[in-house]
Amino acid sequence: MNKFKKGNVQIVVVAMIILFLVVGGFFFWQLQSAGKEAMTKRENIESAESEAMEKKEVMADSDNETVQKDGVMMAKILAKKNSTFSEFNLKDYEKALSEGKIVYLEFYANWCPICRAQETELIEGFNKLKRDDVAGFRVNFKDDQTDEDEKSLAEKFKIPYQHHKIVLKGGQVVINSADTWDVQTLVSELSNL
């Protein structure tokens, strides 16, 4: 009887070792698969960011210009066909309001990956916009380029965080959005005002 118990114990121990190896091997395989999947996703994200940066650089080379007025450097224009999209400048902003233009404000932080990715879409959207009564401004928000005028504007509109949009018509807020906009959204929203 003692031999029988001893043999059963050995079988149970061997079975447990085999089970441990199978389960451990399965988890190891799952970890490797997850690691490979994460690497693939990371590579895809890096590739998309690289393409976005290349596209932005091409657009920067062809579309960006800085306006000079009476020898003074003014805002950098990011998009200009019928309507303009430029870096924020208080004088240009006030002029656009006084001329009764629809004013688009994009609160942008240079450290924000969503802002940087979305900027390419916004530039393309402004270049496709068929209206000449829209003035868009990229307003620096809580980054190392934010000036006092931009801080005051963010406080006035109670902007909670970057990549927030405000659209004014007749000086009144008609759109207050925290959504991410692509080319089609920008063109649709601004064309329908």
N, C-alpha and C. Protein backbone atom coordinates (compact mmCIF):
# COMPACT_ATOMS: atom_id res chain seq x y z
N MET A 1 0.81 -1.18 0.00
CA MET A 1 0.00 0.00 0.00
C MET A 1 0.87 1.26 0.00
N ASN A 2 1.99 1.20 0.71
CA ASN A 2 2.89 2.33 0.76
C ASN A 2 3.49 2.61 -0.61
N LYS A 3 3.82 1.51 -1.36
CA LYS A 3 4.34 1.69 -2.73
C LYS A 3 3.32 2.37 -3.61
N PHE A 4 2.04 2.01 -3.41
CA PHE A 4 0.97 2.59 -4.23
C PHE A 4 0.88 4.09 -3.99
N LYS A 5 0.93 4.53 -2.74
CA LYS A 5 0.86 5.95 -2.41
C LYS A 5 2.08 6.68 -2.94
N LYS A 6 3.25 6.07 -2.81
CA LYS A 6 4.48 6.69 -3.27
C LYS A 6 4.46 6.86 -4.78
N GLY A 7 3.94 5.88 -5.50
CA GLY A 7 3.83 5.96 -6.96
C GLY A 7 2.84 7.04 -7.38
N ASN A 8 1.74 7.16 -6.66
CA ASN A 8 0.73 8.18 -6.95
C ASN A 8 1.29 9.58 -6.72
N VAL A 9 2.05 9.74 -5.65
CA VAL A 9 2.65 11.03 -5.35
C VAL A 9 3.63 11.43 -6.46
N GLN A 10 4.41 10.49 -6.93
CA GLN A 10 5.35 10.76 -8.02
C GLN A 10 4.60 11.16 -9.29
N ILE A 11 3.51 10.48 -9.58
CA ILE A 11 2.71 10.81 -10.77
C ILE A 11 2.13 12.21 -10.63
N VAL A 12 1.62 12.52 -9.45
CA VAL A 12 1.04 13.86 -9.22
C VAL A 12 2.12 14.93 -9.37
N VAL A 13 3.30 14.70 -8.82
CA VAL A 13 4.40 15.67 -8.92
C VAL A 13 4.80 15.86 -10.38
N VAL A 14 4.95 14.78 -11.12
CA VAL A 14 5.32 14.86 -12.54
C VAL A 14 4.21 15.61 -13.31
N ALA A 15 2.95 15.29 -13.01
CA ALA A 15 1.83 15.95 -13.69
C ALA A 15 1.83 17.45 -13.39
N MET A 16 2.14 17.80 -12.14
CA MET A 16 2.18 19.23 -11.78
C MET A 16 3.32 19.94 -12.48
N ILE A 17 4.46 19.27 -12.59
CA ILE A 17 5.60 19.88 -13.29
C ILE A 17 5.25 20.09 -14.77
N ILE A 18 4.63 19.09 -15.38
CA ILE A 18 4.23 19.21 -16.79
C ILE A 18 3.21 20.34 -16.94
N LEU A 19 2.22 20.40 -16.06
CA LEU A 19 1.21 21.46 -16.09
C LEU A 19 1.86 22.83 -15.92
N PHE A 20 2.80 22.95 -14.98
CA PHE A 20 3.51 24.20 -14.76
C PHE A 20 4.25 24.63 -16.02
N LEU A 21 4.95 23.68 -16.67
CA LEU A 21 5.68 24.00 -17.89
C LEU A 21 4.75 24.42 -19.02
N VAL A 22 3.62 23.76 -19.16
CA VAL A 22 2.66 24.10 -20.22
C VAL A 22 2.07 25.49 -19.98
N VAL A 23 1.61 25.73 -18.75
CA VAL A 23 1.02 27.03 -18.43
C VAL A 23 2.07 28.13 -18.54
N GLY A 24 3.25 27.88 -18.00
CA GLY A 24 4.33 28.87 -18.10
C GLY A 24 4.70 29.16 -19.55
N GLY A 25 4.78 28.10 -20.35
CA GLY A 25 5.08 28.28 -21.78
C GLY A 25 4.01 29.09 -22.48
N PHE A 26 2.75 28.82 -22.13
CA PHE A 26 1.65 29.57 -22.72
C PHE A 26 1.75 31.06 -22.37
N PHE A 27 1.99 31.39 -21.10
CA PHE A 27 2.12 32.78 -20.70
C PHE A 27 3.33 33.44 -21.36
N PHE A 28 4.44 32.72 -21.46
CA PHE A 28 5.62 33.25 -22.12
C PHE A 28 5.30 33.57 -23.58
N TRP A 29 4.60 32.67 -24.25
CA TRP A 29 4.22 32.88 -25.66
C TRP A 29 3.30 34.10 -25.78
N GLN A 30 2.36 34.25 -24.83
CA GLN A 30 1.44 35.40 -24.86
C GLN A 30 2.22 36.70 -24.68
N LEU A 31 3.17 36.71 -23.75
CA LEU A 31 3.97 37.91 -23.53
C LEU A 31 4.78 38.28 -24.77
N GLN A 32 5.35 37.27 -25.42
CA GLN A 32 6.10 37.54 -26.65
C GLN A 32 5.19 38.10 -27.72
N SER A 33 4.00 37.54 -27.89
CA SER A 33 3.05 38.01 -28.89
C SER A 33 2.62 39.44 -28.60
N ALA A 34 2.34 39.73 -27.33
CA ALA A 34 1.94 41.08 -26.94
C ALA A 34 3.08 42.07 -27.19
N GLY A 35 4.30 41.64 -26.90
CA GLY A 35 5.46 42.51 -27.14
C GLY A 35 5.64 42.81 -28.61
N LYS A 36 5.47 41.79 -29.45
CA LYS A 36 5.58 42.00 -30.89
C LYS A 36 4.48 42.92 -31.39
N GLU A 37 3.26 42.75 -30.87
CA GLU A 37 2.14 43.59 -31.27
C GLU A 37 2.38 45.04 -30.84
N ALA A 38 2.90 45.22 -29.63
CA ALA A 38 3.20 46.57 -29.14
C ALA A 38 4.28 47.22 -30.00
N MET A 39 5.29 46.45 -30.37
CA MET A 39 6.35 46.98 -31.24
C MET A 39 5.79 47.39 -32.59
N THR A 40 4.90 46.57 -33.16
CA THR A 40 4.29 46.90 -34.44
C THR A 40 3.47 48.18 -34.33
N LYS A 41 2.67 48.30 -33.25
CA LYS A 41 1.87 49.51 -33.05
C LYS A 41 2.78 50.72 -32.90
N ARG A 42 3.85 50.58 -32.12
CA ARG A 42 4.79 51.69 -31.92
C ARG A 42 5.42 52.10 -33.24
N GLU A 43 5.82 51.10 -34.05
CA GLU A 43 6.41 51.40 -35.36
C GLU A 43 5.40 52.10 -36.25
N ASN A 44 4.13 51.68 -36.22
CA ASN A 44 3.09 52.33 -37.03
C ASN A 44 2.87 53.77 -36.59
N ILE A 45 2.86 54.01 -35.27
CA ILE A 45 2.69 55.36 -34.75
C ILE A 45 3.87 56.23 -35.15
N GLU A 46 5.09 55.71 -34.99
CA GLU A 46 6.27 56.47 -35.37
C GLU A 46 6.27 56.78 -36.85
N SER A 47 5.84 55.82 -37.67
CA SER A 47 5.77 56.04 -39.11
C SER A 47 4.75 57.12 -39.45
N ALA A 48 3.57 57.08 -38.78
CA ALA A 48 2.53 58.08 -39.03
C ALA A 48 3.01 59.47 -38.59
N GLU A 49 3.70 59.53 -37.43
CA GLU A 49 4.22 60.81 -36.96
C GLU A 49 5.27 61.34 -37.94
N SER A 50 6.12 60.45 -38.44
CA SER A 50 7.15 60.85 -39.39
C SER A 50 6.52 61.40 -40.67
N GLU A 51 5.48 60.69 -41.17
CA GLU A 51 4.79 61.16 -42.38
C GLU A 51 4.13 62.51 -42.13
N ALA A 52 3.52 62.69 -40.95
CA ALA A 52 2.88 63.96 -40.62
C ALA A 52 3.91 65.08 -40.58
N MET A 53 5.07 64.80 -39.98
CA MET A 53 6.12 65.82 -39.91
C MET A 53 6.63 66.16 -41.31
N GLU A 54 6.81 65.14 -42.17
CA GLU A 54 7.26 65.41 -43.53
C GLU A 54 6.24 66.25 -44.28
N LYS A 55 4.95 65.91 -44.11
CA LYS A 55 3.89 66.66 -44.76
C LYS A 55 3.89 68.10 -44.25
N LYS A 56 4.05 68.24 -42.94
CA LYS A 56 4.08 69.57 -42.35
C LYS A 56 5.27 70.38 -42.87
N GLU A 57 6.44 69.72 -43.00
CA GLU A 57 7.61 70.43 -43.50
C GLU A 57 7.41 70.86 -44.94
N VAL A 58 6.77 70.00 -45.76
CA VAL A 58 6.50 70.39 -47.15
C VAL A 58 5.56 71.57 -47.18
N MET A 59 4.51 71.52 -46.32
CA MET A 59 3.57 72.62 -46.26
C MET A 59 4.27 73.87 -45.75
N ALA A 60 5.17 73.70 -44.79
CA ALA A 60 5.88 74.85 -44.25
C ALA A 60 6.73 75.50 -45.33
N ASP A 61 7.39 74.68 -46.14
CA ASP A 61 8.22 75.24 -47.19
C ASP A 61 7.41 76.01 -48.23
N SER A 62 6.19 75.52 -48.53
CA SER A 62 5.44 76.13 -49.62
C SER A 62 4.44 77.18 -49.16
N ASP A 63 3.87 77.04 -47.96
CA ASP A 63 2.77 77.91 -47.58
C ASP A 63 3.10 78.95 -46.52
N ASN A 64 4.03 78.64 -45.63
CA ASN A 64 4.29 79.55 -44.51
C ASN A 64 5.06 80.77 -44.97
N GLU A 65 4.56 81.90 -44.53
CA GLU A 65 5.27 83.13 -44.80
C GLU A 65 5.05 84.06 -43.64
N THR A 66 5.98 84.95 -43.43
CA THR A 66 5.84 85.94 -42.38
C THR A 66 5.60 87.27 -43.07
N VAL A 67 4.58 87.97 -42.61
CA VAL A 67 4.21 89.23 -43.23
C VAL A 67 4.99 90.35 -42.57
N GLN A 68 5.48 91.26 -43.40
CA GLN A 68 6.15 92.45 -42.90
C GLN A 68 5.28 93.65 -43.23
N LYS A 69 5.11 94.52 -42.24
CA LYS A 69 4.32 95.72 -42.44
C LYS A 69 5.11 96.87 -41.85
N ASP A 70 5.49 97.82 -42.68
CA ASP A 70 6.30 98.95 -42.24
C ASP A 70 7.57 98.50 -41.53
N GLY A 71 8.19 97.43 -42.05
CA GLY A 71 9.43 96.92 -41.51
C GLY A 71 9.28 96.12 -40.22
N VAL A 72 8.04 95.92 -39.74
CA VAL A 72 7.81 95.18 -38.51
C VAL A 72 7.31 93.78 -38.87
N MET A 73 7.89 92.75 -38.24
CA MET A 73 7.45 91.38 -38.49
C MET A 73 6.09 91.17 -37.85
N MET A 74 5.17 90.63 -38.62
CA MET A 74 3.83 90.35 -38.12
C MET A 74 3.68 88.84 -37.98
N ALA A 75 2.46 88.37 -37.93
CA ALA A 75 2.17 86.96 -37.71
C ALA A 75 2.64 86.09 -38.87
N LYS A 76 3.05 84.88 -38.52
CA LYS A 76 3.43 83.88 -39.51
C LYS A 76 2.16 83.26 -40.06
N ILE A 77 1.99 83.31 -41.37
CA ILE A 77 0.80 82.75 -42.01
C ILE A 77 1.04 81.27 -42.25
N LEU A 78 0.10 80.45 -41.77
CA LEU A 78 0.22 79.00 -41.89
C LEU A 78 -0.54 78.48 -43.10
N ALA A 79 -1.64 79.14 -43.47
CA ALA A 79 -2.44 78.75 -44.63
C ALA A 79 -3.03 80.02 -45.22
N LYS A 80 -3.05 80.08 -46.56
CA LYS A 80 -3.57 81.29 -47.18
C LYS A 80 -4.02 80.96 -48.60
N LYS A 81 -5.29 80.88 -48.79
CA LYS A 81 -5.87 80.81 -50.13
C LYS A 81 -6.96 81.87 -50.13
N ASN A 82 -8.19 81.46 -49.84
CA ASN A 82 -9.26 82.44 -49.69
C ASN A 82 -9.28 83.03 -48.29
N SER A 83 -9.13 82.19 -47.28
CA SER A 83 -9.08 82.62 -45.89
C SER A 83 -7.68 82.37 -45.36
N THR A 84 -7.36 83.02 -44.26
CA THR A 84 -6.01 82.83 -43.69
C THR A 84 -6.08 82.09 -42.36
N PHE A 85 -5.02 81.38 -42.07
CA PHE A 85 -4.80 80.74 -40.78
C PHE A 85 -3.38 81.11 -40.41
N SER A 86 -3.22 81.85 -39.32
CA SER A 86 -1.89 82.33 -38.96
C SER A 86 -1.67 82.23 -37.46
N GLU A 87 -0.41 82.45 -37.07
CA GLU A 87 -0.11 82.52 -35.65
C GLU A 87 -0.85 83.72 -35.08
N PHE A 88 -1.24 83.63 -33.81
CA PHE A 88 -2.00 84.69 -33.18
C PHE A 88 -1.20 85.97 -33.09
N ASN A 89 -1.89 87.06 -33.37
CA ASN A 89 -1.35 88.40 -33.28
C ASN A 89 -2.54 89.27 -32.88
N LEU A 90 -2.45 89.96 -31.75
CA LEU A 90 -3.58 90.72 -31.22
C LEU A 90 -4.11 91.75 -32.22
N LYS A 91 -3.23 92.43 -32.93
CA LYS A 91 -3.69 93.45 -33.90
C LYS A 91 -4.49 92.81 -35.03
N ASP A 92 -4.01 91.69 -35.56
CA ASP A 92 -4.73 91.01 -36.64
C ASP A 92 -6.06 90.45 -36.15
N TYR A 93 -6.07 89.94 -34.93
CA TYR A 93 -7.30 89.41 -34.33
C TYR A 93 -8.34 90.52 -34.19
N GLU A 94 -7.93 91.65 -33.62
CA GLU A 94 -8.85 92.78 -33.44
C GLU A 94 -9.33 93.33 -34.78
N LYS A 95 -8.44 93.34 -35.77
CA LYS A 95 -8.81 93.82 -37.10
C LYS A 95 -9.86 92.89 -37.72
N ALA A 96 -9.66 91.59 -37.60
CA ALA A 96 -10.61 90.61 -38.14
C ALA A 96 -11.98 90.79 -37.49
N LEU A 97 -12.01 91.00 -36.18
CA LEU A 97 -13.28 91.22 -35.48
C LEU A 97 -13.94 92.51 -35.96
N SER A 98 -13.15 93.58 -36.09
CA SER A 98 -13.73 94.86 -36.51
C SER A 98 -14.24 94.83 -37.95
N GLU A 99 -13.66 93.95 -38.77
CA GLU A 99 -14.12 93.80 -40.17
C GLU A 99 -15.31 92.86 -40.29
N GLY A 100 -15.77 92.29 -39.16
CA GLY A 100 -16.92 91.40 -39.17
C GLY A 100 -16.63 90.01 -39.71
N LYS A 101 -15.36 89.62 -39.68
CA LYS A 101 -15.00 88.29 -40.17
C LYS A 101 -15.39 87.22 -39.15
N ILE A 102 -15.57 86.02 -39.66
CA ILE A 102 -15.71 84.86 -38.79
C ILE A 102 -14.29 84.57 -38.29
N VAL A 103 -14.14 84.45 -36.99
CA VAL A 103 -12.82 84.26 -36.40
C VAL A 103 -12.74 82.87 -35.77
N TYR A 104 -11.74 82.11 -36.22
CA TYR A 104 -11.49 80.76 -35.73
C TYR A 104 -10.24 80.83 -34.84
N LEU A 105 -10.37 80.34 -33.61
CA LEU A 105 -9.24 80.32 -32.68
C LEU A 105 -8.92 78.87 -32.31
N GLU A 106 -7.72 78.45 -32.59
CA GLU A 106 -7.24 77.11 -32.23
C GLU A 106 -6.23 77.29 -31.10
N PHE A 107 -6.56 76.81 -29.90
CA PHE A 107 -5.65 76.92 -28.77
C PHE A 107 -4.68 75.75 -28.83
N TYR A 108 -3.41 76.07 -29.02
CA TYR A 108 -2.37 75.13 -29.44
C TYR A 108 -1.21 75.14 -28.45
N ALA A 109 -0.73 73.95 -28.10
CA ALA A 109 0.48 73.85 -27.28
C ALA A 109 1.53 73.07 -28.07
N ASN A 110 2.72 73.63 -28.19
CA ASN A 110 3.76 72.99 -29.02
C ASN A 110 4.26 71.67 -28.45
N TRP A 111 3.95 71.37 -27.21
CA TRP A 111 4.34 70.10 -26.59
C TRP A 111 3.27 69.02 -26.77
N CYS A 112 2.12 69.38 -27.33
CA CYS A 112 0.98 68.47 -27.41
C CYS A 112 0.98 67.71 -28.74
N PRO A 113 1.08 66.37 -28.72
CA PRO A 113 1.10 65.60 -29.97
C PRO A 113 -0.21 65.69 -30.75
N ILE A 114 -1.33 65.83 -30.06
CA ILE A 114 -2.62 65.97 -30.75
C ILE A 114 -2.65 67.30 -31.50
N CYS A 115 -2.18 68.36 -30.86
CA CYS A 115 -2.15 69.68 -31.50
C CYS A 115 -1.27 69.65 -32.75
N ARG A 116 -0.11 69.04 -32.63
CA ARG A 116 0.82 69.00 -33.77
C ARG A 116 0.24 68.19 -34.92
N ALA A 117 -0.38 67.06 -34.61
CA ALA A 117 -0.97 66.23 -35.67
C ALA A 117 -2.16 66.94 -36.30
N GLN A 118 -2.97 67.60 -35.48
CA GLN A 118 -4.16 68.26 -35.98
C GLN A 118 -3.83 69.50 -36.82
N GLU A 119 -2.70 70.14 -36.54
CA GLU A 119 -2.35 71.36 -37.27
C GLU A 119 -2.25 71.12 -38.76
N THR A 120 -1.71 69.99 -39.16
CA THR A 120 -1.61 69.66 -40.58
C THR A 120 -3.00 69.61 -41.21
N GLU A 121 -3.95 69.00 -40.50
CA GLU A 121 -5.33 68.92 -40.98
C GLU A 121 -5.94 70.32 -41.10
N LEU A 122 -5.70 71.16 -40.11
CA LEU A 122 -6.28 72.50 -40.10
C LEU A 122 -5.72 73.36 -41.24
N ILE A 123 -4.43 73.25 -41.47
CA ILE A 123 -3.81 74.01 -42.57
C ILE A 123 -4.42 73.58 -43.89
N GLU A 124 -4.53 72.27 -44.09
CA GLU A 124 -5.13 71.77 -45.32
C GLU A 124 -6.59 72.21 -45.43
N GLY A 125 -7.32 72.19 -44.31
CA GLY A 125 -8.72 72.63 -44.30
C GLY A 125 -8.85 74.10 -44.68
N PHE A 126 -8.00 74.94 -44.11
CA PHE A 126 -8.05 76.37 -44.45
C PHE A 126 -7.71 76.59 -45.92
N ASN A 127 -6.78 75.80 -46.45
CA ASN A 127 -6.45 75.93 -47.87
C ASN A 127 -7.59 75.48 -48.77
N LYS A 128 -8.48 74.61 -48.27
CA LYS A 128 -9.63 74.14 -49.06
C LYS A 128 -10.88 74.99 -48.85
N LEU A 129 -10.89 75.80 -47.82
CA LEU A 129 -12.05 76.62 -47.50
C LEU A 129 -12.30 77.62 -48.62
N LYS A 130 -13.54 77.73 -49.05
CA LYS A 130 -13.88 78.59 -50.19
C LYS A 130 -14.45 79.94 -49.76
N ARG A 131 -14.25 80.33 -48.54
CA ARG A 131 -14.74 81.61 -48.03
C ARG A 131 -13.57 82.56 -47.87
N ASP A 132 -13.84 83.85 -48.07
CA ASP A 132 -12.78 84.83 -47.85
C ASP A 132 -13.06 85.70 -46.63
N ASP A 133 -14.09 85.33 -45.86
CA ASP A 133 -14.45 86.11 -44.68
C ASP A 133 -14.13 85.37 -43.37
N VAL A 134 -13.14 84.48 -43.41
CA VAL A 134 -12.73 83.74 -42.22
C VAL A 134 -11.27 84.04 -41.93
N ALA A 135 -11.00 84.36 -40.67
CA ALA A 135 -9.61 84.56 -40.22
C ALA A 135 -9.36 83.56 -39.09
N GLY A 136 -8.40 82.68 -39.30
CA GLY A 136 -8.06 81.68 -38.30
C GLY A 136 -6.76 82.03 -37.60
N PHE A 137 -6.70 81.72 -36.32
CA PHE A 137 -5.50 82.00 -35.54
C PHE A 137 -5.12 80.80 -34.69
N ARG A 138 -3.84 80.47 -34.71
CA ARG A 138 -3.28 79.46 -33.80
C ARG A 138 -2.81 80.22 -32.57
N VAL A 139 -3.50 80.00 -31.46
CA VAL A 139 -3.23 80.72 -30.22
C VAL A 139 -2.40 79.82 -29.31
N ASN A 140 -1.20 80.24 -28.98
CA ASN A 140 -0.37 79.44 -28.07
C ASN A 140 -1.04 79.35 -26.71
N PHE A 141 -0.99 78.14 -26.12
CA PHE A 141 -1.69 77.90 -24.87
C PHE A 141 -0.81 77.07 -23.94
N LYS A 142 -0.40 77.68 -22.85
CA LYS A 142 0.38 77.01 -21.81
C LYS A 142 1.60 76.28 -22.36
N ASP A 143 2.31 76.94 -23.27
CA ASP A 143 3.59 76.41 -23.72
C ASP A 143 4.63 77.51 -23.61
N ASP A 144 5.83 77.25 -24.05
CA ASP A 144 6.92 78.22 -23.88
C ASP A 144 6.83 79.41 -24.83
N GLN A 145 5.82 79.45 -25.71
CA GLN A 145 5.65 80.57 -26.63
C GLN A 145 4.42 81.42 -26.32
N THR A 146 3.69 81.08 -25.27
CA THR A 146 2.46 81.80 -24.91
C THR A 146 2.80 83.17 -24.36
N ASP A 147 2.17 84.21 -24.96
CA ASP A 147 2.41 85.57 -24.47
C ASP A 147 1.20 86.03 -23.64
N GLU A 148 1.27 87.23 -23.11
CA GLU A 148 0.22 87.74 -22.22
C GLU A 148 -1.11 87.91 -22.97
N ASP A 149 -1.09 88.33 -24.23
CA ASP A 149 -2.32 88.47 -25.01
C ASP A 149 -3.01 87.11 -25.17
N GLU A 150 -2.22 86.08 -25.42
CA GLU A 150 -2.78 84.74 -25.58
C GLU A 150 -3.33 84.21 -24.25
N LYS A 151 -2.64 84.50 -23.14
CA LYS A 151 -3.13 84.09 -21.82
C LYS A 151 -4.47 84.76 -21.53
N SER A 152 -4.56 86.06 -21.84
CA SER A 152 -5.80 86.81 -21.61
C SER A 152 -6.95 86.26 -22.44
N LEU A 153 -6.66 85.91 -23.69
CA LEU A 153 -7.69 85.37 -24.58
C LEU A 153 -8.18 84.02 -24.05
N ALA A 154 -7.27 83.17 -23.60
CA ALA A 154 -7.65 81.86 -23.04
C ALA A 154 -8.51 82.05 -21.78
N GLU A 155 -8.16 83.02 -20.95
CA GLU A 155 -8.95 83.30 -19.75
C GLU A 155 -10.33 83.82 -20.12
N LYS A 156 -10.40 84.71 -21.11
CA LYS A 156 -11.67 85.29 -21.55
C LYS A 156 -12.65 84.20 -21.98
N PHE A 157 -12.15 83.21 -22.73
CA PHE A 157 -13.02 82.15 -23.24
C PHE A 157 -13.03 80.91 -22.33
N LYS A 158 -12.37 81.00 -21.17
CA LYS A 158 -12.32 79.90 -20.19
C LYS A 158 -11.88 78.58 -20.85
N ILE A 159 -10.76 78.65 -21.55
CA ILE A 159 -10.24 77.47 -22.25
C ILE A 159 -9.65 76.51 -21.22
N PRO A 160 -10.16 75.27 -21.18
CA PRO A 160 -9.68 74.32 -20.17
C PRO A 160 -8.36 73.64 -20.53
N TYR A 161 -8.13 73.42 -21.84
CA TYR A 161 -6.91 72.74 -22.26
C TYR A 161 -6.67 72.96 -23.74
N GLN A 162 -5.49 72.55 -24.20
CA GLN A 162 -5.07 72.75 -25.58
C GLN A 162 -5.95 71.98 -26.56
N HIS A 163 -5.80 72.28 -27.83
CA HIS A 163 -6.56 71.80 -29.00
C HIS A 163 -8.06 72.07 -28.85
N HIS A 164 -8.39 73.13 -28.12
CA HIS A 164 -9.77 73.60 -27.98
C HIS A 164 -10.01 74.66 -29.05
N LYS A 165 -11.23 74.70 -29.58
CA LYS A 165 -11.57 75.63 -30.65
C LYS A 165 -12.69 76.56 -30.24
N ILE A 166 -12.55 77.82 -30.64
CA ILE A 166 -13.61 78.81 -30.47
C ILE A 166 -13.81 79.45 -31.84
N VAL A 167 -15.08 79.57 -32.25
CA VAL A 167 -15.39 80.27 -33.50
C VAL A 167 -16.34 81.41 -33.16
N LEU A 168 -15.97 82.60 -33.61
CA LEU A 168 -16.77 83.80 -33.36
C LEU A 168 -17.39 84.29 -34.65
N LYS A 169 -18.64 84.70 -34.57
CA LYS A 169 -19.32 85.34 -35.70
C LYS A 169 -20.02 86.56 -35.13
N GLY A 170 -19.72 87.71 -35.70
CA GLY A 170 -20.26 88.95 -35.14
C GLY A 170 -19.77 89.18 -33.73
N GLY A 171 -18.58 88.67 -33.41
CA GLY A 171 -18.00 88.83 -32.09
C GLY A 171 -18.57 87.89 -31.04
N GLN A 172 -19.55 87.07 -31.40
CA GLN A 172 -20.18 86.14 -30.46
C GLN A 172 -19.71 84.70 -30.72
N VAL A 173 -19.57 83.92 -29.65
CA VAL A 173 -19.15 82.53 -29.78
C VAL A 173 -20.30 81.73 -30.41
N VAL A 174 -20.00 81.09 -31.56
CA VAL A 174 -20.99 80.23 -32.22
C VAL A 174 -20.57 78.76 -32.16
N ILE A 175 -19.28 78.52 -31.95
CA ILE A 175 -18.77 77.15 -31.76
C ILE A 175 -17.75 77.19 -30.64
N ASN A 176 -17.92 76.26 -29.69
CA ASN A 176 -16.99 76.08 -28.59
C ASN A 176 -16.76 74.57 -28.53
N SER A 177 -15.64 74.10 -29.05
CA SER A 177 -15.45 72.66 -29.24
C SER A 177 -14.10 72.18 -28.73
N ALA A 178 -14.15 71.03 -28.06
CA ALA A 178 -12.93 70.35 -27.62
C ALA A 178 -12.62 69.16 -28.51
N ASP A 179 -13.44 68.95 -29.54
CA ASP A 179 -13.25 67.82 -30.44
C ASP A 179 -12.04 68.02 -31.34
N THR A 180 -11.50 66.91 -31.82
CA THR A 180 -10.43 66.96 -32.80
C THR A 180 -11.09 67.11 -34.17
N TRP A 181 -10.63 68.08 -34.94
CA TRP A 181 -11.20 68.34 -36.26
C TRP A 181 -10.23 67.88 -37.33
N ASP A 182 -10.79 67.28 -38.38
CA ASP A 182 -9.99 66.95 -39.56
C ASP A 182 -10.35 67.96 -40.65
N VAL A 183 -9.82 67.76 -41.83
CA VAL A 183 -10.03 68.69 -42.95
C VAL A 183 -11.53 68.88 -43.22
N GLN A 184 -12.25 67.77 -43.35
CA GLN A 184 -13.66 67.83 -43.70
C GLN A 184 -14.48 68.53 -42.62
N THR A 185 -14.17 68.27 -41.36
CA THR A 185 -14.91 68.90 -40.26
C THR A 185 -14.72 70.41 -40.29
N LEU A 186 -13.47 70.85 -40.45
CA LEU A 186 -13.20 72.28 -40.48
C LEU A 186 -13.95 72.94 -41.64
N VAL A 187 -13.83 72.38 -42.83
CA VAL A 187 -14.49 72.97 -44.00
C VAL A 187 -15.99 72.99 -43.80
N SER A 188 -16.56 71.90 -43.32
CA SER A 188 -18.02 71.81 -43.11
C SER A 188 -18.49 72.82 -42.07
N GLU A 189 -17.83 72.83 -40.91
CA GLU A 189 -18.26 73.72 -39.83
C GLU A 189 -18.16 75.20 -40.23
N LEU A 190 -17.07 75.59 -40.88
CA LEU A 190 -16.89 77.00 -41.23
C LEU A 190 -17.67 77.39 -42.48
N SER A 191 -17.97 76.46 -43.35
CA SER A 191 -18.74 76.78 -44.56
C SER A 191 -20.20 76.99 -44.24
N ASN A 192 -20.68 76.37 -43.16
CA ASN A 192 -22.10 76.45 -42.81
C ASN A 192 -22.46 77.64 -41.93
N LEU A 193 -21.53 78.51 -41.64
CA LEU A 193 -21.83 79.68 -40.80
C LEU A 193 -22.30 80.86 -41.63
